[in-house]
Amino acid sequence: MNLRQAVEKYLAVAGGYGKPAALSAFGLSAAETEAVFGLFDEDYQLSRFFHFRNDSGEGYQINGFPQTHVVIDAEIQTIL
């Protein structure tokens, strides 16, 4: 899943920017979820738009931290 696909899926799941979306709703395996979102989190240009949360729900390890949801800022549109 590339960045554009991830953002499109996020918008479909969350219903808009700034709202939490369960990582499990992206339709990826646990390993794919951790790998894809781990790469976004490691990239400075991207990570400033991604905000991970550890709420209730299926958990994933994103760069060593337990996470369940992601919130993406609308400003990510500037790099799409």
C-alpha atoms as a PDB file:
ATOM      1  CA  MET A   1       0.000   0.000   0.000  1.00  0.00           C
ATOM      2  CA  ASN A   2       1.479   3.329  -1.021  1.00  0.00           C
ATOM      3  CA  LEU A   3       0.819   6.676   0.636  1.00  0.00           C
ATOM      4  CA  ARG A   4      -2.005   7.743  -1.669  1.00  0.00           C
ATOM      5  CA  GLN A   5      -3.790   4.403  -1.215  1.00  0.00           C
ATOM      6  CA  ALA A   6      -3.381   4.618   2.558  1.00  0.00           C
ATOM      7  CA  VAL A   7      -4.836   8.138   2.659  1.00  0.00           C
ATOM      8  CA  GLU A   8      -7.763   7.172   0.417  1.00  0.00           C
ATOM      9  CA  LYS A   9      -8.505   4.152   2.613  1.00  0.00           C
ATOM     10  CA  TYR A  10      -8.166   6.307   5.735  1.00  0.00           C
ATOM     11  CA  LEU A  11     -10.710   8.804   4.400  1.00  0.00           C
ATOM     12  CA  ALA A  12     -13.134   6.000   3.542  1.00  0.00           C
ATOM     13  CA  VAL A  13     -12.789   4.460   7.003  1.00  0.00           C
ATOM     14  CA  ALA A  14     -12.596   7.602   9.167  1.00  0.00           C
ATOM     15  CA  GLY A  15     -14.968   9.746   7.125  1.00  0.00           C
ATOM     16  CA  GLY A  16     -12.578  12.685   6.979  1.00  0.00           C
ATOM     17  CA  TYR A  17      -9.262  14.032   8.136  1.00  0.00           C
ATOM     18  CA  GLY A  18      -8.560  14.436  11.829  1.00  0.00           C
ATOM     19  CA  LYS A  19     -10.686  11.479  12.914  1.00  0.00           C
ATOM     20  CA  PRO A  20      -9.348   8.200  14.332  1.00  0.00           C
ATOM     21  CA  ALA A  21      -9.409   5.119  12.111  1.00  0.00           C
ATOM     22  CA  ALA A  22      -8.712   1.612  13.372  1.00  0.00           C
ATOM     23  CA  LEU A  23      -5.561   0.198  11.838  1.00  0.00           C
ATOM     24  CA  SER A  24      -7.409  -3.114  11.435  1.00  0.00           C
ATOM     25  CA  ALA A  25      -9.855  -1.391   9.022  1.00  0.00           C
ATOM     26  CA  PHE A  26      -7.164  -0.928   6.375  1.00  0.00           C
ATOM     27  CA  GLY A  27      -7.563  -4.569   5.314  1.00  0.00           C
ATOM     28  CA  LEU A  28      -3.907  -5.547   5.644  1.00  0.00           C
ATOM     29  CA  SER A  29      -2.386  -8.453   7.502  1.00  0.00           C
ATOM     30  CA  ALA A  30      -0.802  -7.669  10.872  1.00  0.00           C
ATOM     31  CA  ALA A  31       2.678  -7.865   9.351  1.00  0.00           C
ATOM     32  CA  GLU A  32       1.714  -5.591   6.432  1.00  0.00           C
ATOM     33  CA  THR A  33       0.035  -3.086   8.757  1.00  0.00           C
ATOM     34  CA  GLU A  34       3.094  -2.882  10.972  1.00  0.00           C
ATOM     35  CA  ALA A  35       5.453  -2.606   7.998  1.00  0.00           C
ATOM     36  CA  VAL A  36       3.480   0.009   6.026  1.00  0.00           C
ATOM     37  CA  PHE A  37       2.646   2.257   8.946  1.00  0.00           C
ATOM     38  CA  GLY A  38       6.120   1.746  10.386  1.00  0.00           C
ATOM     39  CA  LEU A  39       7.592   3.170   7.175  1.00  0.00           C
ATOM     40  CA  PHE A  40       5.249   6.159   7.269  1.00  0.00           C
ATOM     41  CA  ASP A  41       6.174   6.746  10.902  1.00  0.00           C
ATOM     42  CA  GLU A  42       9.920   6.592  10.181  1.00  0.00           C
ATOM     43  CA  ASP A  43       9.784   9.124   7.341  1.00  0.00           C
ATOM     44  CA  TYR A  44      10.030  12.655   8.779  1.00  0.00           C
ATOM     45  CA  GLN A  45       8.172  14.223   5.846  1.00  0.00           C
ATOM     46  CA  LEU A  46       5.256  11.855   6.410  1.00  0.00           C
ATOM     47  CA  SER A  47       5.288  11.200  10.151  1.00  0.00           C
ATOM     48  CA  ARG A  48       4.294  14.751  11.037  1.00  0.00           C
ATOM     49  CA  PHE A  49       0.889  14.067   9.443  1.00  0.00           C
ATOM     50  CA  PHE A  50       0.338  10.686  11.151  1.00  0.00           C
ATOM     51  CA  HIS A  51      -0.767  10.486  14.785  1.00  0.00           C
ATOM     52  CA  PHE A  52      -1.030   7.019  16.269  1.00  0.00           C
ATOM     53  CA  ARG A  53      -3.188   6.095  19.245  1.00  0.00           C
ATOM     54  CA  ASN A  54      -3.368   3.109  21.517  1.00  0.00           C
ATOM     55  CA  ASP A  55      -7.065   2.792  22.282  1.00  0.00           C
ATOM     56  CA  SER A  56      -9.267  -0.279  22.488  1.00  0.00           C
ATOM     57  CA  GLY A  57      -9.224  -2.648  19.544  1.00  0.00           C
ATOM     58  CA  GLU A  58      -6.822  -4.845  17.651  1.00  0.00           C
ATOM     59  CA  GLY A  59      -3.275  -3.800  18.470  1.00  0.00           C
ATOM     60  CA  TYR A  60      -0.191  -3.562  16.287  1.00  0.00           C
ATOM     61  CA  GLN A  61       3.446  -2.799  17.012  1.00  0.00           C
ATOM     62  CA  ILE A  62       4.378   0.326  15.062  1.00  0.00           C
ATOM     63  CA  ASN A  63       8.119   0.786  15.482  1.00  0.00           C
ATOM     64  CA  GLY A  64       8.039  -0.919  18.858  1.00  0.00           C
ATOM     65  CA  PHE A  65       5.002   0.890  20.259  1.00  0.00           C
ATOM     66  CA  PRO A  66       1.519  -0.630  20.654  1.00  0.00           C
ATOM     67  CA  GLN A  67      -1.011   1.192  18.469  1.00  0.00           C
ATOM     68  CA  THR A  68      -4.627   0.600  17.468  1.00  0.00           C
ATOM     69  CA  HIS A  69      -5.670   3.735  15.542  1.00  0.00           C
ATOM     70  CA  VAL A  70      -4.261   6.439  13.322  1.00  0.00           C
ATOM     71  CA  VAL A  71      -5.340  10.033  12.720  1.00  0.00           C
ATOM     72  CA  ILE A  72      -4.087  11.761   9.561  1.00  0.00           C
ATOM     73  CA  ASP A  73      -3.930  15.544   9.239  1.00  0.00           C
ATOM     74  CA  ALA A  74      -5.523  17.224   6.218  1.00  0.00           C
ATOM     75  CA  GLU A  75      -2.206  18.930   5.460  1.00  0.00           C
ATOM     76  CA  ILE A  76      -0.934  15.627   4.051  1.00  0.00           C
ATOM     77  CA  GLN A  77      -2.634  16.726   0.824  1.00  0.00           C
ATOM     78  CA  THR A  78       0.311  19.069   0.229  1.00  0.00           C
ATOM     79  CA  ILE A  79       2.577  16.106  -0.528  1.00  0.00           C
ATOM     80  CA  LEU A  80       0.186  13.757  -2.333  1.00  0.00           C
END
